[in-house]
C-alpha atoms as a PDB file:
ATOM      1  CA  MET A   1      -0.370 -29.575  13.912  1.00  0.00           C
ATOM      2  CA  SER A   2       1.908 -26.723  14.997  1.00  0.00           C
ATOM      3  CA  TYR A   3       2.932 -24.011  12.549  1.00  0.00           C
ATOM      4  CA  PHE A   4       6.618 -24.689  13.221  1.00  0.00           C
ATOM      5  CA  ARG A   5       8.142 -27.460  15.285  1.00  0.00           C
ATOM      6  CA  ALA A   6      11.476 -29.027  16.146  1.00  0.00           C
ATOM      7  CA  GLU A   7      11.538 -32.664  17.197  1.00  0.00           C
ATOM      8  CA  ASN A   8      14.462 -34.044  19.223  1.00  0.00           C
ATOM      9  CA  LEU A   9      16.834 -31.629  17.532  1.00  0.00           C
ATOM     10  CA  SER A  10      20.526 -32.221  18.282  1.00  0.00           C
ATOM     11  CA  LEU A  11      23.801 -30.679  17.143  1.00  0.00           C
ATOM     12  CA  HIS A  12      27.073 -32.234  18.303  1.00  0.00           C
ATOM     13  CA  PHE A  13      30.606 -31.028  17.682  1.00  0.00           C
ATOM     14  CA  GLY A  14      32.687 -34.017  18.667  1.00  0.00           C
ATOM     15  CA  GLY A  15      31.878 -34.578  22.342  1.00  0.00           C
ATOM     16  CA  LEU A  16      30.234 -31.168  22.733  1.00  0.00           C
ATOM     17  CA  LYS A  17      26.437 -31.220  22.617  1.00  0.00           C
ATOM     18  CA  ALA A  18      25.546 -27.694  21.504  1.00  0.00           C
ATOM     19  CA  VAL A  19      21.895 -28.744  21.116  1.00  0.00           C
ATOM     20  CA  ASP A  20      20.745 -31.905  22.877  1.00  0.00           C
ATOM     21  CA  ALA A  21      17.390 -33.453  21.896  1.00  0.00           C
ATOM     22  CA  VAL A  22      15.457 -30.167  21.945  1.00  0.00           C
ATOM     23  CA  SER A  23      11.758 -30.236  21.040  1.00  0.00           C
ATOM     24  CA  PHE A  24       9.412 -27.256  20.847  1.00  0.00           C
ATOM     25  CA  ALA A  25       6.631 -25.825  18.714  1.00  0.00           C
ATOM     26  CA  VAL A  26       5.623 -22.347  17.595  1.00  0.00           C
ATOM     27  CA  GLU A  27       1.977 -21.595  16.850  1.00  0.00           C
ATOM     28  CA  LYS A  28       0.956 -19.317  13.993  1.00  0.00           C
ATOM     29  CA  GLY A  29       0.837 -15.681  15.125  1.00  0.00           C
ATOM     30  CA  GLU A  30       2.826 -16.371  18.282  1.00  0.00           C
ATOM     31  CA  ILE A  31       5.916 -14.648  19.688  1.00  0.00           C
ATOM     32  CA  LEU A  32       8.071 -17.348  21.259  1.00  0.00           C
ATOM     33  CA  SER A  33      11.349 -16.394  22.951  1.00  0.00           C
ATOM     34  CA  ILE A  34      14.331 -18.615  23.691  1.00  0.00           C
ATOM     35  CA  ILE A  35      16.406 -17.571  26.690  1.00  0.00           C
ATOM     36  CA  GLY A  36      19.392 -18.986  28.527  1.00  0.00           C
ATOM     37  CA  PRO A  37      22.961 -18.244  29.645  1.00  0.00           C
ATOM     38  CA  ASN A  38      25.795 -17.820  27.150  1.00  0.00           C
ATOM     39  CA  GLY A  39      26.563 -21.123  25.463  1.00  0.00           C
ATOM     40  CA  ALA A  40      23.104 -22.543  26.156  1.00  0.00           C
ATOM     41  CA  GLY A  41      22.553 -23.418  22.490  1.00  0.00           C
ATOM     42  CA  LYS A  42      20.177 -20.611  21.528  1.00  0.00           C
ATOM     43  CA  SER A  43      21.949 -19.350  18.398  1.00  0.00           C
ATOM     44  CA  SER A  44      22.837 -22.930  17.437  1.00  0.00           C
ATOM     45  CA  ILE A  45      19.113 -23.659  17.147  1.00  0.00           C
ATOM     46  CA  PHE A  46      18.738 -20.676  14.813  1.00  0.00           C
ATOM     47  CA  ASN A  47      21.700 -21.931  12.767  1.00  0.00           C
ATOM     48  CA  LEU A  48      19.984 -25.303  12.424  1.00  0.00           C
ATOM     49  CA  ILE A  49      16.695 -23.768  11.325  1.00  0.00           C
ATOM     50  CA  SER A  50      18.338 -21.466   8.782  1.00  0.00           C
ATOM     51  CA  ARG A  51      20.514 -24.375   7.568  1.00  0.00           C
ATOM     52  CA  ILE A  52      23.893 -22.897   8.439  1.00  0.00           C
ATOM     53  CA  TYR A  53      24.376 -26.205  10.283  1.00  0.00           C
ATOM     54  CA  SER A  54      22.910 -29.623   9.610  1.00  0.00           C
ATOM     55  CA  PRO A  55      21.486 -31.391  12.656  1.00  0.00           C
ATOM     56  CA  THR A  56      23.221 -34.422  14.087  1.00  0.00           C
ATOM     57  CA  SER A  57      19.745 -35.835  14.637  1.00  0.00           C
ATOM     58  CA  GLY A  58      16.133 -34.719  14.831  1.00  0.00           C
ATOM     59  CA  ARG A  59      13.663 -33.114  12.434  1.00  0.00           C
ATOM     60  CA  ILE A  60      12.404 -29.599  11.666  1.00  0.00           C
ATOM     61  CA  TYR A  61       8.916 -28.925  10.284  1.00  0.00           C
ATOM     62  CA  PHE A  62       7.301 -25.773   8.917  1.00  0.00           C
ATOM     63  CA  GLU A  63       3.677 -25.696   7.814  1.00  0.00           C
ATOM     64  CA  ASP A  64       3.651 -29.509   8.151  1.00  0.00           C
ATOM     65  CA  GLN A  65       6.550 -29.808   5.692  1.00  0.00           C
ATOM     66  CA  ASP A  66       9.780 -31.522   6.717  1.00  0.00           C
ATOM     67  CA  ILE A  67      12.459 -28.882   6.040  1.00  0.00           C
ATOM     68  CA  THR A  68      15.336 -30.634   7.818  1.00  0.00           C
ATOM     69  CA  GLN A  69      17.333 -31.073   4.613  1.00  0.00           C
ATOM     70  CA  GLU A  70      16.104 -27.963   2.816  1.00  0.00           C
ATOM     71  CA  PRO A  71      19.002 -25.790   1.548  1.00  0.00           C
ATOM     72  CA  ALA A  72      19.434 -22.297   2.986  1.00  0.00           C
ATOM     73  CA  PHE A  73      17.996 -20.556  -0.084  1.00  0.00           C
ATOM     74  CA  GLY A  74      15.008 -22.877   0.094  1.00  0.00           C
ATOM     75  CA  ILE A  75      14.334 -21.885   3.693  1.00  0.00           C
ATOM     76  CA  ALA A  76      14.043 -18.241   2.635  1.00  0.00           C
ATOM     77  CA  LYS A  77      11.704 -19.163  -0.219  1.00  0.00           C
ATOM     78  CA  LEU A  78       9.444 -20.997   2.218  1.00  0.00           C
ATOM     79  CA  GLY A  79       8.962 -17.750   4.137  1.00  0.00           C
ATOM     80  CA  ILE A  80      11.486 -17.974   6.981  1.00  0.00           C
ATOM     81  CA  ALA A  81      13.730 -14.927   7.456  1.00  0.00           C
ATOM     82  CA  ARG A  82      16.449 -14.239  10.002  1.00  0.00           C
ATOM     83  CA  THR A  83      18.271 -11.352  11.597  1.00  0.00           C
ATOM     84  CA  PHE A  84      21.714 -11.794  13.154  1.00  0.00           C
ATOM     85  CA  GLN A  85      23.136 -10.866  16.542  1.00  0.00           C
ATOM     86  CA  ASN A  86      26.041  -9.204  14.730  1.00  0.00           C
ATOM     87  CA  ILE A  87      24.700  -6.950  11.994  1.00  0.00           C
ATOM     88  CA  GLU A  88      24.937  -8.453   8.501  1.00  0.00           C
ATOM     89  CA  LEU A  89      23.685  -6.019   5.874  1.00  0.00           C
ATOM     90  CA  SER A  90      23.762  -6.457   2.098  1.00  0.00           C
ATOM     91  CA  VAL A  91      22.372  -4.901  -1.046  1.00  0.00           C
ATOM     92  CA  ARG A  92      20.430  -7.110  -3.440  1.00  0.00           C
ATOM     93  CA  SER A  93      20.569  -6.483  -7.206  1.00  0.00           C
ATOM     94  CA  ASN A  94      16.828  -7.121  -7.577  1.00  0.00           C
ATOM     95  CA  GLU A  95      15.813  -4.494  -4.992  1.00  0.00           C
ATOM     96  CA  LYS A  96      13.945  -2.453  -7.622  1.00  0.00           C
ATOM     97  CA  ILE A  97      11.600  -5.368  -8.264  1.00  0.00           C
ATOM     98  CA  HIS A  98      10.532  -5.257  -4.623  1.00  0.00           C
ATOM     99  CA  ARG A  99      10.638  -1.482  -4.243  1.00  0.00           C
ATOM    100  CA  ARG A 100       7.018  -1.219  -3.140  1.00  0.00           C
ATOM    101  CA  ARG A 101       7.642  -3.690  -0.334  1.00  0.00           C
ATOM    102  CA  VAL A 102      10.836  -1.850   0.613  1.00  0.00           C
ATOM    103  CA  GLU A 103       8.934   1.430   0.917  1.00  0.00           C
ATOM    104  CA  GLN A 104       6.287  -0.231   3.093  1.00  0.00           C
ATOM    105  CA  VAL A 105       8.961  -1.547   5.439  1.00  0.00           C
ATOM    106  CA  ILE A 106      10.734   1.821   5.547  1.00  0.00           C
ATOM    107  CA  GLU A 107       7.483   3.428   6.642  1.00  0.00           C
ATOM    108  CA  PHE A 108       6.663   0.646   9.108  1.00  0.00           C
ATOM    109  CA  LEU A 109      10.028   1.012  10.894  1.00  0.00           C
ATOM    110  CA  ASP A 110      10.188   4.823  10.679  1.00  0.00           C
ATOM    111  CA  LEU A 111      13.318   4.749   8.522  1.00  0.00           C
ATOM    112  CA  GLU A 112      12.311   7.608   6.180  1.00  0.00           C
ATOM    113  CA  PRO A 113      15.034   9.989   7.508  1.00  0.00           C
ATOM    114  CA  TYR A 114      17.708   7.463   6.508  1.00  0.00           C
ATOM    115  CA  ARG A 115      16.414   6.485   3.064  1.00  0.00           C
ATOM    116  CA  ASP A 116      19.229   8.232   1.158  1.00  0.00           C
ATOM    117  CA  LYS A 117      21.999   7.669   3.714  1.00  0.00           C
ATOM    118  CA  LEU A 118      24.913   5.257   3.428  1.00  0.00           C
ATOM    119  CA  ILE A 119      24.463   2.406   5.900  1.00  0.00           C
ATOM    120  CA  SER A 120      28.120   2.503   6.953  1.00  0.00           C
ATOM    121  CA  GLY A 121      27.717   6.022   8.331  1.00  0.00           C
ATOM    122  CA  LEU A 122      24.572   5.402  10.378  1.00  0.00           C
ATOM    123  CA  PRO A 123      24.440   4.893  14.166  1.00  0.00           C
ATOM    124  CA  TYR A 124      24.533   1.308  15.427  1.00  0.00           C
ATOM    125  CA  GLY A 125      20.941   1.395  16.642  1.00  0.00           C
ATOM    126  CA  VAL A 126      19.683   2.480  13.229  1.00  0.00           C
ATOM    127  CA  ARG A 127      21.708  -0.233  11.527  1.00  0.00           C
ATOM    128  CA  LYS A 128      20.064  -2.818  13.795  1.00  0.00           C
ATOM    129  CA  VAL A 129      16.658  -1.588  12.596  1.00  0.00           C
ATOM    130  CA  ILE A 130      17.834  -1.755   8.979  1.00  0.00           C
ATOM    131  CA  GLU A 131      18.885  -5.363   9.590  1.00  0.00           C
ATOM    132  CA  LEU A 132      15.313  -6.009  10.716  1.00  0.00           C
ATOM    133  CA  ALA A 133      14.021  -4.178   7.642  1.00  0.00           C
ATOM    134  CA  ARG A 134      16.138  -6.376   5.373  1.00  0.00           C
ATOM    135  CA  ALA A 135      14.511  -9.485   6.814  1.00  0.00           C
ATOM    136  CA  LEU A 136      10.995  -8.024   6.573  1.00  0.00           C
ATOM    137  CA  CYS A 137      11.509  -7.139   2.899  1.00  0.00           C
ATOM    138  CA  THR A 138      11.484 -10.864   2.098  1.00  0.00           C
ATOM    139  CA  GLU A 139       7.846 -10.894   3.297  1.00  0.00           C
ATOM    140  CA  PRO A 140       8.416 -13.686   5.825  1.00  0.00           C
ATOM    141  CA  LYS A 141       5.767 -15.822   7.455  1.00  0.00           C
ATOM    142  CA  LEU A 142       8.170 -16.683  10.277  1.00  0.00           C
ATOM    143  CA  ILE A 143      11.020 -14.413  11.383  1.00  0.00           C
ATOM    144  CA  LEU A 144      13.955 -15.481  13.555  1.00  0.00           C
ATOM    145  CA  LEU A 145      15.205 -12.556  15.646  1.00  0.00           C
ATOM    146  CA  ASP A 146      18.687 -13.180  17.042  1.00  0.00           C
ATOM    147  CA  GLU A 147      19.344 -10.807  19.970  1.00  0.00           C
ATOM    148  CA  PRO A 148      17.383  -7.873  18.473  1.00  0.00           C
ATOM    149  CA  SER A 149      18.184  -5.593  21.448  1.00  0.00           C
ATOM    150  CA  SER A 150      21.922  -6.331  21.491  1.00  0.00           C
ATOM    151  CA  GLY A 151      23.852  -3.052  21.623  1.00  0.00           C
ATOM    152  CA  LEU A 152      20.711  -0.903  21.848  1.00  0.00           C
ATOM    153  CA  ASN A 153      20.056   1.724  24.505  1.00  0.00           C
ATOM    154  CA  VAL A 154      16.877   1.784  26.604  1.00  0.00           C
ATOM    155  CA  GLU A 155      14.940   4.018  24.199  1.00  0.00           C
ATOM    156  CA  GLU A 156      15.961   1.962  21.164  1.00  0.00           C
ATOM    157  CA  THR A 157      14.979  -1.238  22.963  1.00  0.00           C
ATOM    158  CA  ASP A 158      11.572   0.279  23.735  1.00  0.00           C
ATOM    159  CA  ASP A 159      11.115   1.029  20.040  1.00  0.00           C
ATOM    160  CA  MET A 160      12.181  -2.513  19.153  1.00  0.00           C
ATOM    161  CA  SER A 161       9.553  -3.961  21.488  1.00  0.00           C
ATOM    162  CA  PHE A 162       6.809  -2.001  19.717  1.00  0.00           C
ATOM    163  CA  TRP A 163       8.000  -3.133  16.283  1.00  0.00           C
ATOM    164  CA  ILE A 164       8.144  -6.772  17.334  1.00  0.00           C
ATOM    165  CA  ARG A 165       4.569  -6.637  18.614  1.00  0.00           C
ATOM    166  CA  ASP A 166       3.471  -4.778  15.475  1.00  0.00           C
ATOM    167  CA  MET A 167       5.075  -7.445  13.288  1.00  0.00           C
ATOM    168  CA  LYS A 168       2.674  -9.890  14.892  1.00  0.00           C
ATOM    169  CA  THR A 169      -0.463  -7.736  15.041  1.00  0.00           C
ATOM    170  CA  GLU A 170      -0.133  -5.621  11.881  1.00  0.00           C
ATOM    171  CA  LEU A 171       1.950  -7.775   9.539  1.00  0.00           C
ATOM    172  CA  GLY A 172       0.786 -11.196  10.732  1.00  0.00           C
ATOM    173  CA  VAL A 173       4.352 -12.462  11.113  1.00  0.00           C
ATOM    174  CA  THR A 174       5.105 -15.277  13.556  1.00  0.00           C
ATOM    175  CA  VAL A 175       8.185 -14.529  15.666  1.00  0.00           C
ATOM    176  CA  LEU A 176      10.830 -16.815  17.154  1.00  0.00           C
ATOM    177  CA  MET A 177      13.304 -14.737  19.166  1.00  0.00           C
ATOM    178  CA  VAL A 178      16.572 -15.356  20.992  1.00  0.00           C
ATOM    179  CA  GLU A 179      17.111 -12.636  23.583  1.00  0.00           C
ATOM    180  CA  HIS A 180      19.055 -11.840  26.783  1.00  0.00           C
ATOM    181  CA  ASP A 181      17.140  -8.704  27.751  1.00  0.00           C
ATOM    182  CA  MET A 182      14.392 -10.034  30.015  1.00  0.00           C
ATOM    183  CA  THR A 183      12.554  -6.720  29.970  1.00  0.00           C
ATOM    184  CA  LEU A 184      12.076  -7.102  26.209  1.00  0.00           C
ATOM    185  CA  VAL A 185      11.217 -10.789  26.593  1.00  0.00           C
ATOM    186  CA  ASN A 186       8.536  -9.989  29.167  1.00  0.00           C
ATOM    187  CA  ARG A 187       7.040  -7.222  27.047  1.00  0.00           C
ATOM    188  CA  VAL A 188       6.566  -9.113  23.812  1.00  0.00           C
ATOM    189  CA  SER A 189       6.569 -12.872  24.432  1.00  0.00           C
ATOM    190  CA  ASP A 190       3.533 -15.126  24.460  1.00  0.00           C
ATOM    191  CA  ARG A 191       5.669 -18.041  25.657  1.00  0.00           C
ATOM    192  CA  VAL A 192       9.290 -18.604  26.633  1.00  0.00           C
ATOM    193  CA  ILE A 193      11.672 -21.555  26.421  1.00  0.00           C
ATOM    194  CA  ALA A 194      14.710 -21.629  28.720  1.00  0.00           C
ATOM    195  CA  LEU A 195      17.793 -23.575  27.641  1.00  0.00           C
ATOM    196  CA  ASN A 196      21.010 -24.546  29.378  1.00  0.00           C
ATOM    197  CA  TYR A 197      23.814 -26.717  28.032  1.00  0.00           C
ATOM    198  CA  GLY A 198      21.753 -27.417  24.937  1.00  0.00           C
ATOM    199  CA  ARG A 199      18.731 -28.809  26.784  1.00  0.00           C
ATOM    200  CA  VAL A 200      15.282 -27.413  27.592  1.00  0.00           C
ATOM    201  CA  LEU A 201      14.941 -26.433  31.249  1.00  0.00           C
ATOM    202  CA  ALA A 202      11.446 -24.968  31.215  1.00  0.00           C
ATOM    203  CA  MET A 203       8.680 -23.813  28.903  1.00  0.00           C
ATOM    204  CA  GLY A 204       5.676 -21.596  29.584  1.00  0.00           C
ATOM    205  CA  SER A 205       4.705 -17.971  30.132  1.00  0.00           C
ATOM    206  CA  PRO A 206       7.554 -15.507  30.828  1.00  0.00           C
ATOM    207  CA  ALA A 207       6.635 -15.391  34.530  1.00  0.00           C
ATOM    208  CA  GLU A 208       6.377 -19.168  34.858  1.00  0.00           C
ATOM    209  CA  VAL A 209       9.738 -19.768  33.222  1.00  0.00           C
ATOM    210  CA  GLN A 210      11.548 -17.134  35.270  1.00  0.00           C
ATOM    211  CA  ARG A 211      10.215 -18.639  38.492  1.00  0.00           C
ATOM    212  CA  HIS A 212      11.220 -22.179  37.558  1.00  0.00           C
ATOM    213  CA  PRO A 213      13.890 -23.425  40.018  1.00  0.00           C
ATOM    214  CA  ASP A 214      16.092 -24.903  37.282  1.00  0.00           C
ATOM    215  CA  VAL A 215      16.068 -21.596  35.412  1.00  0.00           C
ATOM    216  CA  VAL A 216      16.914 -19.683  38.586  1.00  0.00           C
ATOM    217  CA  ALA A 217      19.784 -22.078  39.260  1.00  0.00           C
ATOM    218  CA  ALA A 218      21.121 -21.779  35.703  1.00  0.00           C
ATOM    219  CA  TYR A 219      21.191 -17.974  35.839  1.00  0.00           C
ATOM    220  CA  LEU A 220      22.394 -17.595  39.413  1.00  0.00           C
ATOM    221  CA  GLY A 221      24.726 -20.584  39.471  1.00  0.00           C
ATOM    222  CA  THR A 222      23.080 -22.125  42.540  1.00  0.00           C
END
């Protein structure tokens, strides 16, 4: 069985089908990216997995456990962490308990120069990395990266690509990523899923998906 899988997952808002019978699987140790135009349903899938939304229909499984009705706090306890497209940073009262893990993540993401700085005064690119650090501090088995390169410059995006690959190779974390930057997608992804209007258009290697005629049509409007 797959490490993580969604089966016929749907999310409807009245007559709008944000996610329409989407099925896919993520293997352990894989980096799987979800791409598609704005409004394709990418972030809605993340919101279903992290239990911000409840699915209209379909099931979600992690490590062969049905987590479709698991509450949000339960999802985190199972080992699924998430970053957000728009930075959401917080301070947890029990940070001292996990200080060793925090220091490991600080070193892993080269955040030592910012250890004693206030987050609010740091550059946007650094705050995006701290958002990633927050998720890694929960010691996830599966991490959901929502537009990790959003707002980053070319150099910062290069750094992000290295960290994503290192999360897989050094930390053993499985990665499910939503991303617009195809350069980043091509660099890090083992497989890619393309969505449009809430439905799967294509699935395969980055090159295969980008060559698929339905994907080309969705992006170019032809």
